N, C-alpha and C. Protein backbone atom coordinates (compact mmCIF):
# COMPACT_ATOMS: atom_id res chain seq x y z
N MET A 1 32.53 -30.98 10.74
CA MET A 1 31.57 -30.32 9.85
C MET A 1 32.00 -28.87 9.63
N SER A 2 32.02 -28.41 8.39
CA SER A 2 32.56 -27.09 8.07
C SER A 2 31.64 -25.98 8.54
N GLU A 3 32.23 -24.79 8.61
CA GLU A 3 31.46 -23.62 9.03
C GLU A 3 30.42 -23.25 7.99
N ASP A 4 30.73 -23.56 6.70
CA ASP A 4 29.86 -23.12 5.62
C ASP A 4 28.66 -24.03 5.40
N GLN A 5 28.69 -25.24 5.92
CA GLN A 5 27.56 -26.13 5.73
C GLN A 5 27.38 -26.96 6.98
N ILE A 6 26.41 -26.65 7.77
CA ILE A 6 26.19 -27.36 9.03
C ILE A 6 24.80 -27.98 9.01
N ASP A 7 24.72 -29.20 8.50
CA ASP A 7 23.51 -30.03 8.48
C ASP A 7 22.21 -29.25 8.50
N ASP A 8 21.74 -28.87 7.34
CA ASP A 8 20.51 -28.08 7.25
C ASP A 8 19.28 -28.86 7.69
N GLY A 9 19.41 -30.16 7.80
CA GLY A 9 18.26 -30.95 8.22
C GLY A 9 18.05 -30.96 9.72
N ALA A 10 19.03 -30.52 10.46
CA ALA A 10 18.91 -30.49 11.91
C ALA A 10 17.93 -29.42 12.34
N ARG A 11 17.38 -29.63 13.51
CA ARG A 11 16.34 -28.72 13.99
C ARG A 11 16.84 -27.29 14.13
N ASN A 12 18.00 -27.11 14.73
CA ASN A 12 18.54 -25.77 14.94
C ASN A 12 19.78 -25.55 14.07
N ALA A 13 19.76 -26.08 12.85
CA ALA A 13 20.90 -26.01 11.96
C ALA A 13 21.24 -24.57 11.62
N VAL A 14 22.54 -24.34 11.43
CA VAL A 14 23.03 -23.01 11.06
C VAL A 14 23.82 -23.12 9.77
N GLN A 15 23.54 -22.24 8.84
CA GLN A 15 24.29 -22.17 7.59
C GLN A 15 25.34 -21.09 7.71
N GLY A 16 26.50 -21.34 7.11
CA GLY A 16 27.61 -20.40 7.19
C GLY A 16 27.55 -19.31 6.13
N GLU A 17 28.69 -18.62 5.95
CA GLU A 17 28.71 -17.42 5.12
C GLU A 17 28.54 -17.72 3.64
N LYS A 18 29.07 -18.84 3.15
CA LYS A 18 28.90 -19.16 1.73
C LYS A 18 27.43 -19.41 1.40
N ALA A 19 26.76 -20.16 2.27
CA ALA A 19 25.33 -20.40 2.07
C ALA A 19 24.55 -19.10 2.19
N LEU A 20 24.99 -18.22 3.08
CA LEU A 20 24.34 -16.92 3.23
C LEU A 20 24.47 -16.10 1.95
N ASP A 21 25.65 -16.15 1.32
CA ASP A 21 25.84 -15.42 0.06
C ASP A 21 24.89 -15.91 -1.01
N ARG A 22 24.67 -17.22 -1.06
CA ARG A 22 23.74 -17.77 -2.06
C ARG A 22 22.31 -17.34 -1.77
N LEU A 23 21.95 -17.33 -0.50
CA LEU A 23 20.60 -16.90 -0.12
C LEU A 23 20.38 -15.43 -0.49
N VAL A 24 21.37 -14.60 -0.24
CA VAL A 24 21.26 -13.18 -0.56
C VAL A 24 21.17 -12.97 -2.07
N ALA A 25 21.97 -13.71 -2.84
CA ALA A 25 21.94 -13.57 -4.30
C ALA A 25 20.58 -13.97 -4.86
N PHE A 26 20.04 -15.07 -4.34
CA PHE A 26 18.71 -15.51 -4.78
C PHE A 26 17.65 -14.46 -4.42
N SER A 27 17.74 -13.93 -3.22
CA SER A 27 16.77 -12.93 -2.77
C SER A 27 16.86 -11.66 -3.62
N ASP A 28 18.08 -11.25 -3.95
CA ASP A 28 18.26 -10.06 -4.79
C ASP A 28 17.60 -10.24 -6.15
N ALA A 29 17.72 -11.44 -6.72
CA ALA A 29 17.12 -11.72 -8.03
C ALA A 29 15.60 -11.64 -7.96
N VAL A 30 15.02 -12.21 -6.90
CA VAL A 30 13.56 -12.19 -6.74
C VAL A 30 13.06 -10.76 -6.58
N VAL A 31 13.76 -9.97 -5.78
CA VAL A 31 13.35 -8.58 -5.56
C VAL A 31 13.46 -7.77 -6.85
N ALA A 32 14.52 -8.01 -7.63
CA ALA A 32 14.70 -7.29 -8.89
C ALA A 32 13.55 -7.55 -9.85
N ILE A 33 13.11 -8.80 -9.92
CA ILE A 33 11.98 -9.14 -10.79
C ILE A 33 10.70 -8.49 -10.29
N ALA A 34 10.47 -8.57 -8.98
CA ALA A 34 9.24 -8.01 -8.40
C ALA A 34 9.17 -6.50 -8.60
N ILE A 35 10.29 -5.82 -8.44
CA ILE A 35 10.28 -4.36 -8.55
C ILE A 35 10.04 -3.92 -9.99
N THR A 36 10.38 -4.80 -10.94
CA THR A 36 10.09 -4.52 -12.35
C THR A 36 8.62 -4.73 -12.66
N LEU A 37 8.04 -5.77 -12.07
CA LEU A 37 6.64 -6.11 -12.35
C LEU A 37 5.66 -5.06 -11.82
N VAL A 38 6.11 -4.24 -10.88
CA VAL A 38 5.23 -3.23 -10.29
C VAL A 38 4.66 -2.30 -11.35
N VAL A 39 5.46 -1.95 -12.35
CA VAL A 39 5.02 -0.95 -13.33
C VAL A 39 4.29 -1.56 -14.53
N LEU A 40 4.25 -2.88 -14.64
CA LEU A 40 3.65 -3.50 -15.82
C LEU A 40 2.18 -3.13 -16.03
N PRO A 41 1.34 -3.07 -14.98
CA PRO A 41 -0.05 -2.64 -15.22
C PRO A 41 -0.14 -1.26 -15.86
N LEU A 42 0.77 -0.37 -15.50
CA LEU A 42 0.78 0.96 -16.10
C LEU A 42 1.22 0.90 -17.56
N VAL A 43 2.11 -0.02 -17.87
CA VAL A 43 2.54 -0.19 -19.26
C VAL A 43 1.36 -0.62 -20.12
N ASP A 44 0.56 -1.56 -19.61
CA ASP A 44 -0.63 -2.01 -20.35
C ASP A 44 -1.60 -0.87 -20.58
N ARG A 45 -1.80 -0.05 -19.55
CA ARG A 45 -2.72 1.09 -19.70
C ARG A 45 -2.17 2.12 -20.68
N ALA A 46 -0.85 2.31 -20.66
CA ALA A 46 -0.25 3.28 -21.57
C ALA A 46 -0.43 2.85 -23.02
N MET A 47 -0.38 1.56 -23.28
CA MET A 47 -0.54 1.06 -24.64
C MET A 47 -1.97 1.26 -25.14
N ASP A 48 -2.94 1.27 -24.22
CA ASP A 48 -4.35 1.43 -24.61
C ASP A 48 -4.81 2.88 -24.57
N ALA A 49 -3.97 3.78 -24.07
CA ALA A 49 -4.38 5.18 -23.92
C ALA A 49 -4.46 5.87 -25.28
N GLU A 50 -5.40 6.79 -25.39
CA GLU A 50 -5.56 7.53 -26.64
C GLU A 50 -4.43 8.53 -26.85
N SER A 51 -3.92 9.08 -25.77
CA SER A 51 -2.83 10.04 -25.86
C SER A 51 -2.07 10.06 -24.54
N ALA A 52 -0.90 10.68 -24.56
CA ALA A 52 -0.11 10.77 -23.34
C ALA A 52 -0.83 11.58 -22.27
N SER A 53 -1.46 12.67 -22.68
CA SER A 53 -2.17 13.50 -21.71
C SER A 53 -3.34 12.75 -21.09
N ALA A 54 -4.04 11.94 -21.91
CA ALA A 54 -5.15 11.15 -21.38
C ALA A 54 -4.65 10.09 -20.40
N PHE A 55 -3.52 9.48 -20.72
CA PHE A 55 -2.94 8.47 -19.83
C PHE A 55 -2.60 9.07 -18.48
N PHE A 56 -1.89 10.20 -18.49
CA PHE A 56 -1.50 10.83 -17.23
C PHE A 56 -2.70 11.33 -16.44
N ALA A 57 -3.71 11.82 -17.15
CA ALA A 57 -4.91 12.33 -16.47
C ALA A 57 -5.69 11.21 -15.80
N ASP A 58 -5.72 10.04 -16.44
CA ASP A 58 -6.54 8.93 -15.94
C ASP A 58 -5.80 8.04 -14.95
N ASN A 59 -4.50 8.20 -14.81
CA ASN A 59 -3.72 7.24 -14.02
C ASN A 59 -2.85 7.89 -12.95
N VAL A 60 -3.28 9.05 -12.47
CA VAL A 60 -2.50 9.73 -11.44
C VAL A 60 -2.37 8.87 -10.19
N THR A 61 -3.50 8.35 -9.72
CA THR A 61 -3.48 7.51 -8.51
C THR A 61 -2.66 6.25 -8.74
N GLY A 62 -2.82 5.64 -9.92
CA GLY A 62 -2.06 4.44 -10.23
C GLY A 62 -0.56 4.68 -10.26
N MET A 63 -0.15 5.80 -10.81
CA MET A 63 1.27 6.12 -10.85
C MET A 63 1.82 6.38 -9.45
N ILE A 64 1.01 7.01 -8.61
CA ILE A 64 1.44 7.23 -7.23
C ILE A 64 1.60 5.89 -6.51
N SER A 65 0.63 4.98 -6.71
CA SER A 65 0.69 3.66 -6.08
C SER A 65 1.92 2.89 -6.55
N ALA A 66 2.18 2.92 -7.87
CA ALA A 66 3.33 2.20 -8.41
C ALA A 66 4.63 2.79 -7.90
N ALA A 67 4.70 4.12 -7.85
CA ALA A 67 5.91 4.78 -7.36
C ALA A 67 6.17 4.44 -5.90
N LEU A 68 5.11 4.46 -5.10
CA LEU A 68 5.25 4.13 -3.68
C LEU A 68 5.64 2.67 -3.50
N SER A 69 5.07 1.78 -4.33
CA SER A 69 5.43 0.37 -4.27
C SER A 69 6.90 0.18 -4.60
N PHE A 70 7.36 0.89 -5.63
CA PHE A 70 8.77 0.83 -6.02
C PHE A 70 9.66 1.25 -4.86
N VAL A 71 9.31 2.36 -4.23
CA VAL A 71 10.09 2.88 -3.12
C VAL A 71 10.06 1.92 -1.93
N VAL A 72 8.88 1.37 -1.64
CA VAL A 72 8.74 0.45 -0.50
C VAL A 72 9.54 -0.82 -0.73
N ILE A 73 9.46 -1.41 -1.94
CA ILE A 73 10.23 -2.62 -2.23
C ILE A 73 11.72 -2.32 -2.12
N ALA A 74 12.14 -1.17 -2.66
CA ALA A 74 13.55 -0.80 -2.57
C ALA A 74 13.99 -0.64 -1.12
N ALA A 75 13.11 -0.04 -0.30
CA ALA A 75 13.43 0.14 1.12
C ALA A 75 13.49 -1.21 1.83
N PHE A 76 12.55 -2.12 1.50
CA PHE A 76 12.57 -3.46 2.08
C PHE A 76 13.86 -4.18 1.69
N TRP A 77 14.23 -4.07 0.40
CA TRP A 77 15.45 -4.74 -0.06
C TRP A 77 16.67 -4.21 0.69
N ARG A 78 16.73 -2.89 0.85
CA ARG A 78 17.88 -2.30 1.53
C ARG A 78 17.95 -2.77 2.98
N ALA A 79 16.81 -2.80 3.67
CA ALA A 79 16.79 -3.26 5.06
C ALA A 79 17.20 -4.72 5.15
N ASN A 80 16.71 -5.54 4.22
CA ASN A 80 17.07 -6.95 4.18
C ASN A 80 18.56 -7.13 3.90
N HIS A 81 19.07 -6.32 2.97
CA HIS A 81 20.49 -6.39 2.60
C HIS A 81 21.38 -6.01 3.78
N VAL A 82 21.05 -4.91 4.43
CA VAL A 82 21.84 -4.45 5.58
C VAL A 82 21.81 -5.48 6.70
N MET A 83 20.65 -6.09 6.92
CA MET A 83 20.52 -7.11 7.96
C MET A 83 21.49 -8.27 7.72
N PHE A 84 21.59 -8.73 6.46
CA PHE A 84 22.46 -9.86 6.15
C PHE A 84 23.93 -9.45 6.03
N VAL A 85 24.21 -8.18 5.76
CA VAL A 85 25.59 -7.70 5.76
C VAL A 85 26.21 -7.89 7.15
N HIS A 86 25.39 -7.72 8.17
CA HIS A 86 25.86 -7.86 9.55
C HIS A 86 25.75 -9.30 10.06
N ALA A 87 25.29 -10.22 9.22
CA ALA A 87 25.09 -11.61 9.66
C ALA A 87 26.31 -12.47 9.32
N ARG A 88 26.55 -13.47 10.14
CA ARG A 88 27.63 -14.42 9.92
C ARG A 88 27.11 -15.75 9.40
N GLY A 89 25.83 -15.84 9.22
CA GLY A 89 25.18 -17.06 8.77
C GLY A 89 23.69 -16.91 9.00
N TYR A 90 22.97 -18.02 8.88
CA TYR A 90 21.53 -17.95 9.14
C TYR A 90 21.04 -19.29 9.64
N SER A 91 20.01 -19.22 10.45
CA SER A 91 19.41 -20.43 11.00
C SER A 91 18.27 -20.91 10.11
N ARG A 92 17.77 -22.08 10.43
CA ARG A 92 16.65 -22.63 9.67
C ARG A 92 15.42 -21.72 9.78
N LEU A 93 15.21 -21.15 10.96
CA LEU A 93 14.09 -20.24 11.16
C LEU A 93 14.23 -19.01 10.27
N VAL A 94 15.42 -18.45 10.22
CA VAL A 94 15.66 -17.27 9.38
C VAL A 94 15.43 -17.60 7.91
N SER A 95 15.85 -18.80 7.50
CA SER A 95 15.64 -19.23 6.11
C SER A 95 14.15 -19.30 5.77
N ARG A 96 13.38 -19.85 6.68
CA ARG A 96 11.93 -19.94 6.45
C ARG A 96 11.28 -18.56 6.44
N LEU A 97 11.73 -17.70 7.33
CA LEU A 97 11.20 -16.34 7.35
C LEU A 97 11.57 -15.60 6.07
N GLN A 98 12.78 -15.86 5.55
CA GLN A 98 13.19 -15.22 4.31
C GLN A 98 12.31 -15.66 3.14
N THR A 99 11.95 -16.93 3.14
CA THR A 99 11.05 -17.43 2.10
C THR A 99 9.69 -16.75 2.18
N LEU A 100 9.17 -16.60 3.39
CA LEU A 100 7.89 -15.90 3.56
C LEU A 100 8.00 -14.44 3.16
N TRP A 101 9.12 -13.81 3.51
CA TRP A 101 9.32 -12.41 3.15
C TRP A 101 9.36 -12.24 1.63
N LEU A 102 10.06 -13.15 0.95
CA LEU A 102 10.11 -13.09 -0.51
C LEU A 102 8.73 -13.29 -1.12
N ALA A 103 7.90 -14.12 -0.47
CA ALA A 103 6.54 -14.32 -0.96
C ALA A 103 5.75 -13.02 -0.92
N THR A 104 5.94 -12.23 0.12
CA THR A 104 5.24 -10.93 0.18
C THR A 104 5.76 -9.98 -0.89
N ILE A 105 7.05 -10.03 -1.16
CA ILE A 105 7.63 -9.18 -2.21
C ILE A 105 7.09 -9.58 -3.58
N VAL A 106 6.98 -10.89 -3.82
CA VAL A 106 6.47 -11.38 -5.10
C VAL A 106 4.99 -11.03 -5.26
N PHE A 107 4.24 -11.07 -4.15
CA PHE A 107 2.81 -10.78 -4.23
C PHE A 107 2.53 -9.29 -4.36
N LEU A 108 3.47 -8.46 -3.99
CA LEU A 108 3.23 -7.02 -4.01
C LEU A 108 2.85 -6.48 -5.39
N PRO A 109 3.50 -6.92 -6.49
CA PRO A 109 3.03 -6.48 -7.81
C PRO A 109 1.58 -6.89 -8.10
N VAL A 110 1.18 -8.07 -7.59
CA VAL A 110 -0.21 -8.50 -7.76
C VAL A 110 -1.14 -7.57 -6.98
N ALA A 111 -0.75 -7.26 -5.75
CA ALA A 111 -1.55 -6.34 -4.94
C ALA A 111 -1.62 -4.96 -5.59
N THR A 112 -0.51 -4.54 -6.21
CA THR A 112 -0.50 -3.27 -6.92
C THR A 112 -1.47 -3.31 -8.10
N ALA A 113 -1.47 -4.43 -8.84
CA ALA A 113 -2.38 -4.58 -9.97
C ALA A 113 -3.83 -4.57 -9.51
N LEU A 114 -4.12 -5.20 -8.37
CA LEU A 114 -5.48 -5.18 -7.83
C LEU A 114 -5.91 -3.76 -7.49
N ASP A 115 -4.97 -3.01 -6.94
CA ASP A 115 -5.27 -1.62 -6.61
C ASP A 115 -5.50 -0.79 -7.87
N LEU A 116 -4.67 -1.02 -8.88
CA LEU A 116 -4.79 -0.27 -10.13
C LEU A 116 -6.03 -0.65 -10.91
N ALA A 117 -6.51 -1.90 -10.71
CA ALA A 117 -7.68 -2.37 -11.46
C ALA A 117 -8.94 -1.66 -11.02
N GLY A 118 -8.95 -1.15 -9.80
CA GLY A 118 -10.12 -0.45 -9.29
C GLY A 118 -10.01 1.04 -9.47
N PRO A 119 -10.92 1.77 -8.87
CA PRO A 119 -10.91 3.23 -9.00
C PRO A 119 -9.86 3.92 -8.13
N GLY A 120 -9.09 3.13 -7.39
CA GLY A 120 -8.10 3.72 -6.49
C GLY A 120 -8.62 3.96 -5.10
N THR A 121 -9.90 3.66 -4.89
CA THR A 121 -10.51 3.84 -3.57
C THR A 121 -11.20 2.56 -3.09
N ASP A 122 -10.87 1.43 -3.73
CA ASP A 122 -11.47 0.16 -3.36
C ASP A 122 -10.84 -0.34 -2.06
N ARG A 123 -11.68 -0.56 -1.05
CA ARG A 123 -11.19 -0.93 0.27
C ARG A 123 -10.44 -2.27 0.25
N VAL A 124 -10.95 -3.25 -0.51
CA VAL A 124 -10.31 -4.57 -0.56
C VAL A 124 -8.96 -4.49 -1.26
N GLY A 125 -8.94 -3.83 -2.42
CA GLY A 125 -7.69 -3.70 -3.16
C GLY A 125 -6.63 -2.96 -2.37
N LEU A 126 -7.03 -1.86 -1.74
CA LEU A 126 -6.09 -1.08 -0.94
C LEU A 126 -5.63 -1.86 0.29
N GLY A 127 -6.56 -2.62 0.89
CA GLY A 127 -6.20 -3.41 2.06
C GLY A 127 -5.18 -4.49 1.72
N ALA A 128 -5.37 -5.15 0.56
CA ALA A 128 -4.41 -6.17 0.12
C ALA A 128 -3.06 -5.54 -0.17
N TYR A 129 -3.10 -4.37 -0.76
CA TYR A 129 -1.89 -3.65 -1.16
C TYR A 129 -1.05 -3.26 0.06
N ILE A 130 -1.66 -2.57 1.00
CA ILE A 130 -0.92 -2.11 2.17
C ILE A 130 -0.71 -3.25 3.17
N GLY A 131 -1.67 -4.17 3.25
CA GLY A 131 -1.51 -5.31 4.15
C GLY A 131 -0.32 -6.18 3.77
N THR A 132 -0.06 -6.32 2.46
CA THR A 132 1.10 -7.08 2.01
C THR A 132 2.39 -6.41 2.46
N MET A 133 2.43 -5.09 2.34
CA MET A 133 3.60 -4.35 2.81
C MET A 133 3.80 -4.51 4.32
N LEU A 134 2.69 -4.46 5.05
CA LEU A 134 2.76 -4.60 6.50
C LEU A 134 3.32 -5.96 6.89
N LEU A 135 2.81 -7.02 6.24
CA LEU A 135 3.29 -8.37 6.54
C LEU A 135 4.77 -8.50 6.24
N GLY A 136 5.20 -7.95 5.10
CA GLY A 136 6.62 -8.00 4.76
C GLY A 136 7.48 -7.29 5.79
N GLY A 137 7.01 -6.15 6.28
CA GLY A 137 7.75 -5.41 7.29
C GLY A 137 7.85 -6.15 8.61
N VAL A 138 6.76 -6.80 9.01
CA VAL A 138 6.76 -7.58 10.26
C VAL A 138 7.76 -8.73 10.16
N ILE A 139 7.71 -9.46 9.04
CA ILE A 139 8.62 -10.61 8.86
C ILE A 139 10.07 -10.15 8.91
N LEU A 140 10.36 -9.04 8.26
CA LEU A 140 11.72 -8.52 8.21
C LEU A 140 12.25 -8.21 9.60
N ARG A 141 11.42 -7.64 10.44
CA ARG A 141 11.85 -7.28 11.79
C ARG A 141 11.98 -8.52 12.68
N VAL A 142 11.11 -9.50 12.48
CA VAL A 142 11.24 -10.75 13.23
C VAL A 142 12.52 -11.48 12.84
N GLN A 143 12.88 -11.42 11.56
CA GLN A 143 14.14 -12.02 11.10
C GLN A 143 15.33 -11.41 11.83
N ALA A 144 15.34 -10.09 11.92
CA ALA A 144 16.46 -9.41 12.59
C ALA A 144 16.58 -9.86 14.04
N ILE A 145 15.45 -9.99 14.71
CA ILE A 145 15.45 -10.45 16.10
C ILE A 145 15.95 -11.88 16.19
N ALA A 146 15.52 -12.74 15.25
CA ALA A 146 15.94 -14.15 15.24
C ALA A 146 17.45 -14.27 15.04
N LEU A 147 18.02 -13.46 14.14
CA LEU A 147 19.47 -13.48 13.92
C LEU A 147 20.22 -13.06 15.18
N GLN A 148 19.74 -12.03 15.85
CA GLN A 148 20.41 -11.54 17.05
C GLN A 148 20.33 -12.56 18.18
N ARG A 149 19.19 -13.18 18.34
CA ARG A 149 19.03 -14.16 19.42
C ARG A 149 19.83 -15.43 19.16
N ALA A 150 20.09 -15.73 17.88
CA ALA A 150 20.89 -16.90 17.54
C ALA A 150 22.39 -16.58 17.58
N GLY A 151 22.73 -15.33 17.88
CA GLY A 151 24.13 -14.94 17.92
C GLY A 151 24.77 -14.87 16.55
N LEU A 152 23.97 -14.65 15.51
CA LEU A 152 24.48 -14.65 14.14
C LEU A 152 24.58 -13.24 13.55
N SER A 153 24.33 -12.23 14.35
CA SER A 153 24.41 -10.86 13.86
C SER A 153 25.30 -10.04 14.78
N ASP A 154 26.19 -9.23 14.17
CA ASP A 154 27.05 -8.37 14.98
C ASP A 154 26.48 -6.96 15.08
N ARG A 155 25.22 -6.81 14.68
CA ARG A 155 24.57 -5.51 14.73
C ARG A 155 23.94 -5.31 16.10
N ALA A 156 24.19 -4.17 16.70
CA ALA A 156 23.61 -3.89 18.01
C ALA A 156 22.10 -3.77 17.90
N PRO A 157 21.36 -4.43 18.78
CA PRO A 157 19.90 -4.34 18.72
C PRO A 157 19.40 -2.93 18.97
N ALA A 158 18.43 -2.52 18.17
CA ALA A 158 17.84 -1.18 18.34
C ALA A 158 16.82 -1.21 19.47
N PRO A 159 16.55 -0.06 20.07
CA PRO A 159 15.46 0.00 21.06
C PRO A 159 14.17 -0.51 20.44
N PRO A 160 13.33 -1.21 21.20
CA PRO A 160 12.13 -1.83 20.63
C PRO A 160 11.25 -0.88 19.83
N LEU A 161 11.01 0.31 20.33
CA LEU A 161 10.13 1.24 19.63
C LEU A 161 10.75 1.69 18.31
N THR A 162 12.06 1.92 18.32
CA THR A 162 12.76 2.30 17.09
C THR A 162 12.70 1.17 16.08
N HIS A 163 12.87 -0.07 16.55
CA HIS A 163 12.86 -1.24 15.68
C HIS A 163 11.52 -1.42 14.99
N TRP A 164 10.45 -1.08 15.69
CA TRP A 164 9.11 -1.35 15.17
C TRP A 164 8.38 -0.12 14.63
N ILE A 165 9.02 1.06 14.62
CA ILE A 165 8.31 2.27 14.25
C ILE A 165 7.77 2.21 12.82
N GLY A 166 8.56 1.66 11.89
CA GLY A 166 8.09 1.55 10.51
C GLY A 166 6.87 0.66 10.39
N THR A 167 6.88 -0.45 11.13
CA THR A 167 5.74 -1.37 11.11
C THR A 167 4.51 -0.73 11.74
N ILE A 168 4.71 0.00 12.81
CA ILE A 168 3.59 0.69 13.47
C ILE A 168 2.95 1.70 12.52
N LEU A 169 3.78 2.45 11.81
CA LEU A 169 3.26 3.43 10.86
C LEU A 169 2.53 2.75 9.69
N MET A 170 3.05 1.59 9.26
CA MET A 170 2.39 0.85 8.19
C MET A 170 1.03 0.34 8.66
N ALA A 171 0.96 -0.15 9.90
CA ALA A 171 -0.32 -0.59 10.45
C ALA A 171 -1.29 0.58 10.56
N LEU A 172 -0.78 1.75 10.90
CA LEU A 172 -1.62 2.95 10.95
C LEU A 172 -2.16 3.28 9.57
N ALA A 173 -1.29 3.19 8.55
CA ALA A 173 -1.73 3.45 7.17
C ALA A 173 -2.80 2.46 6.74
N LEU A 174 -2.65 1.19 7.13
CA LEU A 174 -3.66 0.18 6.79
C LEU A 174 -4.99 0.50 7.45
N ALA A 175 -4.95 0.86 8.73
CA ALA A 175 -6.19 1.20 9.43
C ALA A 175 -6.87 2.41 8.80
N LEU A 176 -6.09 3.41 8.44
CA LEU A 176 -6.65 4.62 7.83
C LEU A 176 -7.26 4.35 6.46
N VAL A 177 -6.59 3.50 5.68
CA VAL A 177 -7.10 3.22 4.33
C VAL A 177 -8.37 2.38 4.39
N LEU A 178 -8.51 1.56 5.42
CA LEU A 178 -9.74 0.78 5.57
C LEU A 178 -10.88 1.65 6.09
N LEU A 179 -10.54 2.64 6.90
CA LEU A 179 -11.57 3.53 7.45
C LEU A 179 -11.96 4.63 6.46
N PHE A 180 -10.97 5.13 5.73
CA PHE A 180 -11.21 6.25 4.81
C PHE A 180 -10.61 5.93 3.44
N PRO A 181 -11.18 4.96 2.72
CA PRO A 181 -10.60 4.52 1.44
C PRO A 181 -10.64 5.58 0.35
N GLN A 182 -11.43 6.62 0.53
CA GLN A 182 -11.55 7.64 -0.52
C GLN A 182 -10.23 8.37 -0.80
N TYR A 183 -9.29 8.30 0.14
CA TYR A 183 -8.00 8.95 -0.07
C TYR A 183 -6.97 8.01 -0.69
N GLY A 184 -7.36 6.75 -0.89
CA GLY A 184 -6.51 5.81 -1.60
C GLY A 184 -5.16 5.58 -0.95
N ALA A 185 -4.16 5.33 -1.82
CA ALA A 185 -2.81 5.01 -1.34
C ALA A 185 -2.08 6.22 -0.79
N LEU A 186 -2.71 7.38 -0.84
CA LEU A 186 -2.07 8.57 -0.27
C LEU A 186 -1.81 8.41 1.23
N TRP A 187 -2.55 7.50 1.87
CA TRP A 187 -2.32 7.27 3.29
C TRP A 187 -0.92 6.71 3.55
N LEU A 188 -0.29 6.15 2.52
CA LEU A 188 1.07 5.64 2.70
C LEU A 188 2.07 6.76 3.00
N LEU A 189 1.66 7.98 2.75
CA LEU A 189 2.55 9.10 3.04
C LEU A 189 2.84 9.22 4.54
N VAL A 190 2.01 8.58 5.38
CA VAL A 190 2.30 8.61 6.82
C VAL A 190 3.62 7.91 7.13
N LEU A 191 4.09 7.06 6.20
CA LEU A 191 5.36 6.37 6.41
C LEU A 191 6.53 7.35 6.45
N LEU A 192 6.34 8.52 5.85
CA LEU A 192 7.39 9.53 5.87
C LEU A 192 7.67 10.03 7.28
N LEU A 193 6.74 9.77 8.19
CA LEU A 193 6.96 10.19 9.58
C LEU A 193 8.13 9.45 10.22
N GLU A 194 8.52 8.31 9.62
CA GLU A 194 9.64 7.56 10.17
C GLU A 194 10.95 8.36 10.05
N ILE A 195 11.02 9.25 9.06
CA ILE A 195 12.24 10.03 8.86
C ILE A 195 12.56 10.89 10.08
N PRO A 196 11.60 11.67 10.61
CA PRO A 196 11.92 12.43 11.82
C PRO A 196 11.81 11.60 13.10
N LEU A 197 10.89 10.62 13.12
CA LEU A 197 10.67 9.87 14.35
C LEU A 197 11.79 8.89 14.65
N GLY A 198 12.38 8.28 13.61
CA GLY A 198 13.43 7.29 13.81
C GLY A 198 14.59 7.83 14.63
N PRO A 199 15.26 8.90 14.18
CA PRO A 199 16.37 9.46 14.97
C PRO A 199 15.93 9.95 16.35
N LEU A 200 14.71 10.48 16.42
CA LEU A 200 14.22 10.99 17.70
C LEU A 200 14.07 9.87 18.72
N LEU A 201 13.50 8.74 18.28
CA LEU A 201 13.28 7.62 19.19
C LEU A 201 14.56 6.88 19.53
N SER A 202 15.56 6.97 18.64
CA SER A 202 16.81 6.25 18.88
C SER A 202 17.71 6.95 19.88
N ARG A 203 17.37 8.19 20.20
CA ARG A 203 18.16 8.91 21.20
C ARG A 203 17.92 8.31 22.57
N ARG A 204 19.00 8.00 23.23
CA ARG A 204 18.88 7.40 24.57
C ARG A 204 19.11 8.48 25.63
N PRO A 205 18.32 8.43 26.67
CA PRO A 205 18.52 9.42 27.74
C PRO A 205 19.88 9.24 28.40
N ARG A 206 20.49 10.35 28.66
CA ARG A 206 21.81 10.30 29.28
C ARG A 206 21.72 9.99 30.77
């Protein structure tokens, strides 16, 4: 049995590099479509606006949400891409997790539209919006662990806290938006804390 196709029907089947390339190409296409759909609700509002100034005045929160969604999807794609760059194949578990991860990416434009449909302070809309991002982040990190445990990744495992810091911050943002929805998607700015915290936590004591 070749390295590139190892009985996908088996319980612990492993797919080789050619199958991995196809999975990555399919995933890239799905992400590209999703990242485009994020701005469509704003396009609809722009077409109905009386003027450019009125559109910008009425949609500040919506534009911030769409911009953050764009950045988050791009960051998710990059993390997913880097993860598979270091992979030599994928297991059936990783394939299923990738499908679930893509589902969160596809739903994110819907969650963005739900957020934009409200006043920007709706607890349910904001919860769906940030909760979708949180679920996608959790799945992505579990995938990385699954690849490493299956011996399919040549990437050195990160310290646990460093590996999960982005997810922890996303969970914090979700909790804050549910407790204080009046600040809307601005709570996502806590994710910027990963920039200084990531390198700090990755430092190992000598």
